[in-house]
Amino acid sequence: MTIKNYPLRPVITYRCSNCTSKGPHEQQVLEWGIYEWLRQHPDEASNVWDNLRMKDAGYYRSFLVGNMALYRTSFVIISMFRLKL
């Protein structure tokens, strides 16, 4: 399977500190762990964010963001880092 075969498209909406953008960022997530979770647990797709601890207090979260070669102004989240404080 490729990411185009999955029924869900994981997207994160966020605002970064000191951001000059007028609105929040809404970016597709290409993190391998999300797609692996969806493949292994197709009936529990809504639990993917809980599994990643993205909403849990006590975690520092950051994103590795990159752009697409053919679309230099389109950015995606390549990986997500979560560290327990």
PDB file of N, CA and C in Angstrom:
ATOM      1  N   MET A   1       0.836  -1.196   0.000  1.00  0.00           N
ATOM      2  CA  MET A   1       0.000   0.000   0.000  1.00  0.00           C
ATOM      3  C   MET A   1       0.876   1.254   0.000  1.00  0.00           C
ATOM      4  N   THR A   2       0.351   2.292  -0.590  1.00  0.00           N
ATOM      5  CA  THR A   2       0.997   3.601  -0.517  1.00  0.00           C
ATOM      6  C   THR A   2       0.029   4.543   0.204  1.00  0.00           C
ATOM      7  N   ILE A   3       0.483   5.742   0.532  1.00  0.00           N
ATOM      8  CA  ILE A   3      -0.398   6.664   1.254  1.00  0.00           C
ATOM      9  C   ILE A   3      -1.631   7.035   0.440  1.00  0.00           C
ATOM     10  N   LYS A   4      -1.591   6.857  -0.845  1.00  0.00           N
ATOM     11  CA  LYS A   4      -2.758   7.157  -1.681  1.00  0.00           C
ATOM     12  C   LYS A   4      -3.855   6.108  -1.546  1.00  0.00           C
ATOM     13  N   ASN A   5      -3.515   4.907  -1.024  1.00  0.00           N
ATOM     14  CA  ASN A   5      -4.489   3.831  -0.868  1.00  0.00           C
ATOM     15  C   ASN A   5      -5.241   3.891   0.458  1.00  0.00           C
ATOM     16  N   TYR A   6      -4.796   4.695   1.403  1.00  0.00           N
ATOM     17  CA  TYR A   6      -5.446   4.747   2.712  1.00  0.00           C
ATOM     18  C   TYR A   6      -6.718   5.578   2.626  1.00  0.00           C
ATOM     19  N   PRO A   7      -7.768   5.170   3.322  1.00  0.00           N
ATOM     20  CA  PRO A   7      -9.024   5.904   3.254  1.00  0.00           C
ATOM     21  C   PRO A   7      -8.980   7.248   3.985  1.00  0.00           C
ATOM     22  N   LEU A   8      -8.052   7.389   4.933  1.00  0.00           N
ATOM     23  CA  LEU A   8      -7.944   8.633   5.698  1.00  0.00           C
ATOM     24  C   LEU A   8      -6.678   9.388   5.317  1.00  0.00           C
ATOM     25  N   ARG A   9      -6.767  10.693   5.387  1.00  0.00           N
ATOM     26  CA  ARG A   9      -5.623  11.559   5.124  1.00  0.00           C
ATOM     27  C   ARG A   9      -5.320  12.321   6.413  1.00  0.00           C
ATOM     28  N   PRO A  10      -4.311  11.888   7.184  1.00  0.00           N
ATOM     29  CA  PRO A  10      -4.038  12.563   8.453  1.00  0.00           C
ATOM     30  C   PRO A  10      -3.533  13.991   8.239  1.00  0.00           C
ATOM     31  N   VAL A  11      -4.198  14.928   8.888  1.00  0.00           N
ATOM     32  CA  VAL A  11      -3.876  16.346   8.778  1.00  0.00           C
ATOM     33  C   VAL A  11      -3.828  16.935  10.178  1.00  0.00           C
ATOM     34  N   ILE A  12      -2.863  17.803  10.419  1.00  0.00           N
ATOM     35  CA  ILE A  12      -2.762  18.518  11.687  1.00  0.00           C
ATOM     36  C   ILE A  12      -2.920  20.004  11.402  1.00  0.00           C
ATOM     37  N   THR A  13      -3.727  20.654  12.209  1.00  0.00           N
ATOM     38  CA  THR A  13      -3.900  22.100  12.146  1.00  0.00           C
ATOM     39  C   THR A  13      -3.260  22.686  13.389  1.00  0.00           C
ATOM     40  N   TYR A  14      -2.368  23.653  13.213  1.00  0.00           N
ATOM     41  CA  TYR A  14      -1.649  24.234  14.355  1.00  0.00           C
ATOM     42  C   TYR A  14      -1.214  25.656  14.047  1.00  0.00           C
ATOM     43  N   ARG A  15      -0.810  26.346  15.093  1.00  0.00           N
ATOM     44  CA  ARG A  15      -0.184  27.665  14.974  1.00  0.00           C
ATOM     45  C   ARG A  15       1.176  27.580  15.623  1.00  0.00           C
ATOM     46  N   CYS A  16       2.187  28.094  14.961  1.00  0.00           N
ATOM     47  CA  CYS A  16       3.522  28.093  15.566  1.00  0.00           C
ATOM     48  C   CYS A  16       3.742  29.419  16.293  1.00  0.00           C
ATOM     49  N   SER A  17       4.624  29.404  17.289  1.00  0.00           N
ATOM     50  CA  SER A  17       4.899  30.618  18.050  1.00  0.00           C
ATOM     51  C   SER A  17       5.598  31.641  17.152  1.00  0.00           C
ATOM     52  N   ASN A  18       5.288  32.894  17.366  1.00  0.00           N
ATOM     53  CA  ASN A  18       5.848  34.007  16.582  1.00  0.00           C
ATOM     54  C   ASN A  18       5.589  33.848  15.081  1.00  0.00           C
ATOM     55  N   CYS A  19       4.449  33.291  14.749  1.00  0.00           N
ATOM     56  CA  CYS A  19       4.118  33.024  13.353  1.00  0.00           C
ATOM     57  C   CYS A  19       3.651  34.301  12.653  1.00  0.00           C
ATOM     58  N   THR A  20       4.091  34.493  11.427  1.00  0.00           N
ATOM     59  CA  THR A  20       3.662  35.657  10.649  1.00  0.00           C
ATOM     60  C   THR A  20       2.485  35.319   9.735  1.00  0.00           C
ATOM     61  N   SER A  21       2.074  34.071   9.727  1.00  0.00           N
ATOM     62  CA  SER A  21       0.936  33.652   8.913  1.00  0.00           C
ATOM     63  C   SER A  21      -0.361  34.215   9.491  1.00  0.00           C
ATOM     64  N   LYS A  22      -1.305  34.556   8.637  1.00  0.00           N
ATOM     65  CA  LYS A  22      -2.577  35.115   9.098  1.00  0.00           C
ATOM     66  C   LYS A  22      -3.472  34.073   9.752  1.00  0.00           C
ATOM     67  N   GLY A  23      -3.371  32.842   9.320  1.00  0.00           N
ATOM     68  CA  GLY A  23      -4.218  31.789   9.864  1.00  0.00           C
ATOM     69  C   GLY A  23      -3.390  30.609  10.335  1.00  0.00           C
ATOM     70  N   PRO A  24      -4.050  29.607  10.862  1.00  0.00           N
ATOM     71  CA  PRO A  24      -3.314  28.408  11.303  1.00  0.00           C
ATOM     72  C   PRO A  24      -2.806  27.612  10.105  1.00  0.00           C
ATOM     73  N   HIS A  25      -1.795  26.814  10.361  1.00  0.00           N
ATOM     74  CA  HIS A  25      -1.255  25.917   9.338  1.00  0.00           C
ATOM     75  C   HIS A  25      -2.091  24.641   9.337  1.00  0.00           C
ATOM     76  N   GLU A  26      -2.392  24.140   8.174  1.00  0.00           N
ATOM     77  CA  GLU A  26      -3.091  22.861   8.043  1.00  0.00           C
ATOM     78  C   GLU A  26      -2.255  22.009   7.096  1.00  0.00           C
ATOM     79  N   GLN A  27      -1.583  20.997   7.664  1.00  0.00           N
ATOM     80  CA  GLN A  27      -0.627  20.236   6.871  1.00  0.00           C
ATOM     81  C   GLN A  27      -0.868  18.735   6.967  1.00  0.00           C
ATOM     82  N   GLN A  28      -0.691  18.071   5.843  1.00  0.00           N
ATOM     83  CA  GLN A  28      -0.784  16.624   5.818  1.00  0.00           C
ATOM     84  C   GLN A  28       0.423  16.047   6.546  1.00  0.00           C
ATOM     85  N   VAL A  29       0.201  14.939   7.243  1.00  0.00           N
ATOM     86  CA  VAL A  29       1.264  14.273   7.990  1.00  0.00           C
ATOM     87  C   VAL A  29       1.700  13.028   7.227  1.00  0.00           C
ATOM     88  N   LEU A  30       3.000  12.925   6.966  1.00  0.00           N
ATOM     89  CA  LEU A  30       3.538  11.768   6.265  1.00  0.00           C
ATOM     90  C   LEU A  30       4.252  10.810   7.219  1.00  0.00           C
ATOM     91  N   GLU A  31       4.131  11.040   8.495  1.00  0.00           N
ATOM     92  CA  GLU A  31       4.773  10.204   9.523  1.00  0.00           C
ATOM     93  C   GLU A  31       4.447   8.733   9.294  1.00  0.00           C
ATOM     94  N   TRP A  32       5.464   7.909   9.135  1.00  0.00           N
ATOM     95  CA  TRP A  32       5.303   6.490   8.863  1.00  0.00           C
ATOM     96  C   TRP A  32       4.467   5.804   9.935  1.00  0.00           C
ATOM     97  N   GLY A  33       4.642   6.176  11.199  1.00  0.00           N
ATOM     98  CA  GLY A  33       3.929   5.532  12.292  1.00  0.00           C
ATOM     99  C   GLY A  33       2.420   5.652  12.185  1.00  0.00           C
ATOM    100  N   ILE A  34       1.923   6.738  11.652  1.00  0.00           N
ATOM    101  CA  ILE A  34       0.479   6.914  11.496  1.00  0.00           C
ATOM    102  C   ILE A  34      -0.066   5.912  10.492  1.00  0.00           C
ATOM    103  N   TYR A  35       0.596   5.795   9.362  1.00  0.00           N
ATOM    104  CA  TYR A  35       0.120   4.875   8.329  1.00  0.00           C
ATOM    105  C   TYR A  35       0.260   3.423   8.774  1.00  0.00           C
ATOM    106  N   GLU A  36       1.285   3.127   9.543  1.00  0.00           N
ATOM    107  CA  GLU A  36       1.445   1.778  10.063  1.00  0.00           C
ATOM    108  C   GLU A  36       0.326   1.454  11.059  1.00  0.00           C
ATOM    109  N   TRP A  37      -0.017   2.419  11.915  1.00  0.00           N
ATOM    110  CA  TRP A  37      -1.137   2.232  12.849  1.00  0.00           C
ATOM    111  C   TRP A  37      -2.433   1.987  12.077  1.00  0.00           C
ATOM    112  N   LEU A  38      -2.695   2.785  11.063  1.00  0.00           N
ATOM    113  CA  LEU A  38      -3.913   2.631  10.268  1.00  0.00           C
ATOM    114  C   LEU A  38      -3.957   1.275   9.557  1.00  0.00           C
ATOM    115  N   ARG A  39      -2.797   0.793   9.125  1.00  0.00           N
ATOM    116  CA  ARG A  39      -2.740  -0.510   8.458  1.00  0.00           C
ATOM    117  C   ARG A  39      -3.015  -1.648   9.442  1.00  0.00           C
ATOM    118  N   GLN A  40      -2.429  -1.541  10.637  1.00  0.00           N
ATOM    119  CA  GLN A  40      -2.572  -2.617  11.615  1.00  0.00           C
ATOM    120  C   GLN A  40      -3.882  -2.565  12.394  1.00  0.00           C
ATOM    121  N   HIS A  41      -4.471  -1.369  12.508  1.00  0.00           N
ATOM    122  CA  HIS A  41      -5.701  -1.186  13.288  1.00  0.00           C
ATOM    123  C   HIS A  41      -6.752  -0.434  12.476  1.00  0.00           C
ATOM    124  N   PRO A  42      -7.222  -0.995  11.383  1.00  0.00           N
ATOM    125  CA  PRO A  42      -8.149  -0.260  10.515  1.00  0.00           C
ATOM    126  C   PRO A  42      -9.472   0.109  11.197  1.00  0.00           C
ATOM    127  N   ASP A  43      -9.879  -0.633  12.218  1.00  0.00           N
ATOM    128  CA  ASP A  43     -11.127  -0.328  12.919  1.00  0.00           C
ATOM    129  C   ASP A  43     -10.935   0.660  14.061  1.00  0.00           C
ATOM    130  N   GLU A  44      -9.707   1.068  14.324  1.00  0.00           N
ATOM    131  CA  GLU A  44      -9.416   1.984  15.427  1.00  0.00           C
ATOM    132  C   GLU A  44      -8.718   3.245  14.922  1.00  0.00           C
ATOM    133  N   ALA A  45      -9.062   3.697  13.749  1.00  0.00           N
ATOM    134  CA  ALA A  45      -8.383   4.839  13.134  1.00  0.00           C
ATOM    135  C   ALA A  45      -8.441   6.092  14.003  1.00  0.00           C
ATOM    136  N   SER A  46      -9.539   6.293  14.724  1.00  0.00           N
ATOM    137  CA  SER A  46      -9.654   7.506  15.540  1.00  0.00           C
ATOM    138  C   SER A  46      -8.700   7.505  16.732  1.00  0.00           C
ATOM    139  N   ASN A  47      -8.136   6.355  17.071  1.00  0.00           N
ATOM    140  CA  ASN A  47      -7.203   6.274  18.202  1.00  0.00           C
ATOM    141  C   ASN A  47      -5.765   6.623  17.821  1.00  0.00           C
ATOM    142  N   VAL A  48      -5.523   6.910  16.567  1.00  0.00           N
ATOM    143  CA  VAL A  48      -4.154   7.164  16.138  1.00  0.00           C
ATOM    144  C   VAL A  48      -3.557   8.356  16.875  1.00  0.00           C
ATOM    145  N   TRP A  49      -4.327   9.408  17.124  1.00  0.00           N
ATOM    146  CA  TRP A  49      -3.791  10.590  17.814  1.00  0.00           C
ATOM    147  C   TRP A  49      -3.521  10.283  19.279  1.00  0.00           C
ATOM    148  N   ASP A  50      -4.361   9.453  19.902  1.00  0.00           N
ATOM    149  CA  ASP A  50      -4.105   9.044  21.287  1.00  0.00           C
ATOM    150  C   ASP A  50      -2.825   8.223  21.349  1.00  0.00           C
ATOM    151  N   ASN A  51      -2.631   7.348  20.402  1.00  0.00           N
ATOM    152  CA  ASN A  51      -1.437   6.507  20.343  1.00  0.00           C
ATOM    153  C   ASN A  51      -0.166   7.347  20.205  1.00  0.00           C
ATOM    154  N   LEU A  52      -0.265   8.463  19.509  1.00  0.00           N
ATOM    155  CA  LEU A  52       0.891   9.342  19.301  1.00  0.00           C
ATOM    156  C   LEU A  52       1.096  10.345  20.427  1.00  0.00           C
ATOM    157  N   ARG A  53       0.172  10.347  21.397  1.00  0.00           N
ATOM    158  CA  ARG A  53       0.264  11.267  22.552  1.00  0.00           C
ATOM    159  C   ARG A  53       0.255  12.740  22.124  1.00  0.00           C
ATOM    160  N   MET A  54      -0.456  13.044  21.053  1.00  0.00           N
ATOM    161  CA  MET A  54      -0.470  14.421  20.552  1.00  0.00           C
ATOM    162  C   MET A  54      -1.317  15.361  21.396  1.00  0.00           C
ATOM    163  N   LYS A  55      -2.237  14.822  22.200  1.00  0.00           N
ATOM    164  CA  LYS A  55      -3.100  15.682  23.015  1.00  0.00           C
ATOM    165  C   LYS A  55      -2.775  15.582  24.499  1.00  0.00           C
ATOM    166  N   ASP A  56      -1.828  14.733  24.862  1.00  0.00           N
ATOM    167  CA  ASP A  56      -1.504  14.530  26.267  1.00  0.00           C
ATOM    168  C   ASP A  56      -0.684  15.684  26.835  1.00  0.00           C
ATOM    169  N   ALA A  57      -1.073  16.130  28.024  1.00  0.00           N
ATOM    170  CA  ALA A  57      -0.271  17.120  28.731  1.00  0.00           C
ATOM    171  C   ALA A  57       1.014  16.435  29.187  1.00  0.00           C
ATOM    172  N   GLY A  58       2.068  17.207  29.379  1.00  0.00           N
ATOM    173  CA  GLY A  58       3.317  16.635  29.841  1.00  0.00           C
ATOM    174  C   GLY A  58       4.225  16.141  28.732  1.00  0.00           C
ATOM    175  N   TYR A  59       3.890  16.472  27.484  1.00  0.00           N
ATOM    176  CA  TYR A  59       4.727  16.087  26.356  1.00  0.00           C
ATOM    177  C   TYR A  59       5.137  17.328  25.582  1.00  0.00           C
ATOM    178  N   TYR A  60       6.394  17.379  25.187  1.00  0.00           N
ATOM    179  CA  TYR A  60       6.877  18.408  24.269  1.00  0.00           C
ATOM    180  C   TYR A  60       6.725  17.836  22.864  1.00  0.00           C
ATOM    181  N   ARG A  61       6.141  18.606  21.966  1.00  0.00           N
ATOM    182  CA  ARG A  61       5.907  18.151  20.606  1.00  0.00           C
ATOM    183  C   ARG A  61       6.535  19.122  19.606  1.00  0.00           C
ATOM    184  N   SER A  62       7.133  18.564  18.586  1.00  0.00           N
ATOM    185  CA  SER A  62       7.637  19.397  17.488  1.00  0.00           C
ATOM    186  C   SER A  62       7.509  18.601  16.189  1.00  0.00           C
ATOM    187  N   PHE A  63       7.543  19.330  15.082  1.00  0.00           N
ATOM    188  CA  PHE A  63       7.360  18.731  13.766  1.00  0.00           C
ATOM    189  C   PHE A  63       8.583  18.985  12.897  1.00  0.00           C
ATOM    190  N   LEU A  64       8.920  18.011  12.096  1.00  0.00           N
ATOM    191  CA  LEU A  64       9.899  18.189  11.039  1.00  0.00           C
ATOM    192  C   LEU A  64       9.085  18.444   9.775  1.00  0.00           C
ATOM    193  N   VAL A  65       9.199  19.644   9.237  1.00  0.00           N
ATOM    194  CA  VAL A  65       8.385  20.069   8.103  1.00  0.00           C
ATOM    195  C   VAL A  65       9.270  20.202   6.874  1.00  0.00           C
ATOM    196  N   GLY A  66       8.761  19.767   5.746  1.00  0.00           N
ATOM    197  CA  GLY A  66       9.499  19.889   4.490  1.00  0.00           C
ATOM    198  C   GLY A  66       8.548  20.219   3.357  1.00  0.00           C
ATOM    199  N   ASN A  67       9.120  20.587   2.223  1.00  0.00           N
ATOM    200  CA  ASN A  67       8.268  20.913   1.084  1.00  0.00           C
ATOM    201  C   ASN A  67       8.397  19.829   0.017  1.00  0.00           C
ATOM    202  N   MET A  68       7.551  19.918  -0.951  1.00  0.00           N
ATOM    203  CA  MET A  68       7.525  18.947  -2.036  1.00  0.00           C
ATOM    204  C   MET A  68       8.362  19.489  -3.198  1.00  0.00           C
ATOM    205  N   ALA A  69       9.097  18.622  -3.859  1.00  0.00           N
ATOM    206  CA  ALA A  69      10.003  19.053  -4.928  1.00  0.00           C
ATOM    207  C   ALA A  69       9.271  19.807  -6.038  1.00  0.00           C
ATOM    208  N   LEU A  70       8.098  19.328  -6.417  1.00  0.00           N
ATOM    209  CA  LEU A  70       7.366  19.988  -7.501  1.00  0.00           C
ATOM    210  C   LEU A  70       6.523  21.161  -7.033  1.00  0.00           C
ATOM    211  N   TYR A  71       6.310  21.257  -5.726  1.00  0.00           N
ATOM    212  CA  TYR A  71       5.472  22.320  -5.160  1.00  0.00           C
ATOM    213  C   TYR A  71       6.246  22.985  -4.035  1.00  0.00           C
ATOM    214  N   ARG A  72       7.129  23.875  -4.389  1.00  0.00           N
ATOM    215  CA  ARG A  72       8.065  24.466  -3.425  1.00  0.00           C
ATOM    216  C   ARG A  72       7.410  25.265  -2.307  1.00  0.00           C
ATOM    217  N   THR A  73       6.168  25.682  -2.481  1.00  0.00           N
ATOM    218  CA  THR A  73       5.497  26.446  -1.427  1.00  0.00           C
ATOM    219  C   THR A  73       4.482  25.607  -0.660  1.00  0.00           C
ATOM    220  N   SER A  74       4.394  24.313  -0.953  1.00  0.00           N
ATOM    221  CA  SER A  74       3.499  23.404  -0.230  1.00  0.00           C
ATOM    222  C   SER A  74       4.320  22.589   0.754  1.00  0.00           C
ATOM    223  N   PHE A  75       3.932  22.647   2.011  1.00  0.00           N
ATOM    224  CA  PHE A  75       4.693  21.968   3.053  1.00  0.00           C
ATOM    225  C   PHE A  75       3.882  20.838   3.664  1.00  0.00           C
ATOM    226  N   VAL A  76       4.586  19.799   4.117  1.00  0.00           N
ATOM    227  CA  VAL A  76       3.982  18.651   4.789  1.00  0.00           C
ATOM    228  C   VAL A  76       4.791  18.366   6.048  1.00  0.00           C
ATOM    229  N   ILE A  77       4.151  17.685   6.992  1.00  0.00           N
ATOM    230  CA  ILE A  77       4.851  17.249   8.195  1.00  0.00           C
ATOM    231  C   ILE A  77       5.462  15.883   7.886  1.00  0.00           C
ATOM    232  N   ILE A  78       6.768  15.841   7.886  1.00  0.00           N
ATOM    233  CA  ILE A  78       7.479  14.609   7.549  1.00  0.00           C
ATOM    234  C   ILE A  78       7.554  13.689   8.756  1.00  0.00           C
ATOM    235  N   SER A  79       7.799  14.255   9.914  1.00  0.00           N
ATOM    236  CA  SER A  79       7.914  13.457  11.125  1.00  0.00           C
ATOM    237  C   SER A  79       7.487  14.284  12.326  1.00  0.00           C
ATOM    238  N   MET A  80       7.068  13.591  13.361  1.00  0.00           N
ATOM    239  CA  MET A  80       6.639  14.247  14.595  1.00  0.00           C
ATOM    240  C   MET A  80       7.495  13.707  15.733  1.00  0.00           C
ATOM    241  N   PHE A  81       7.915  14.618  16.610  1.00  0.00           N
ATOM    242  CA  PHE A  81       8.732  14.232  17.752  1.00  0.00           C
ATOM    243  C   PHE A  81       7.951  14.520  19.032  1.00  0.00           C
ATOM    244  N   ARG A  82       7.927  13.551  19.925  1.00  0.00           N
ATOM    245  CA  ARG A  82       7.232  13.703  21.198  1.00  0.00           C
ATOM    246  C   ARG A  82       8.177  13.288  22.298  1.00  0.00           C
ATOM    247  N   LEU A  83       8.382  14.177  23.246  1.00  0.00           N
ATOM    248  CA  LEU A  83       9.257  13.880  24.385  1.00  0.00           C
ATOM    249  C   LEU A  83       8.473  14.093  25.671  1.00  0.00           C
ATOM    250  N   LYS A  84       8.515  13.118  26.553  1.00  0.00           N
ATOM    251  CA  LYS A  84       7.833  13.260  27.830  1.00  0.00           C
ATOM    252  C   LYS A  84       8.649  14.198  28.708  1.00  0.00           C
ATOM    253  N   LEU A  85       7.970  15.189  29.270  1.00  0.00           N
ATOM    254  CA  LEU A  85       8.652  16.167  30.137  1.00  0.00           C
ATOM    255  C   LEU A  85       8.821  15.643  31.540  1.00  0.00           C
TER     256      LEU A  85
END
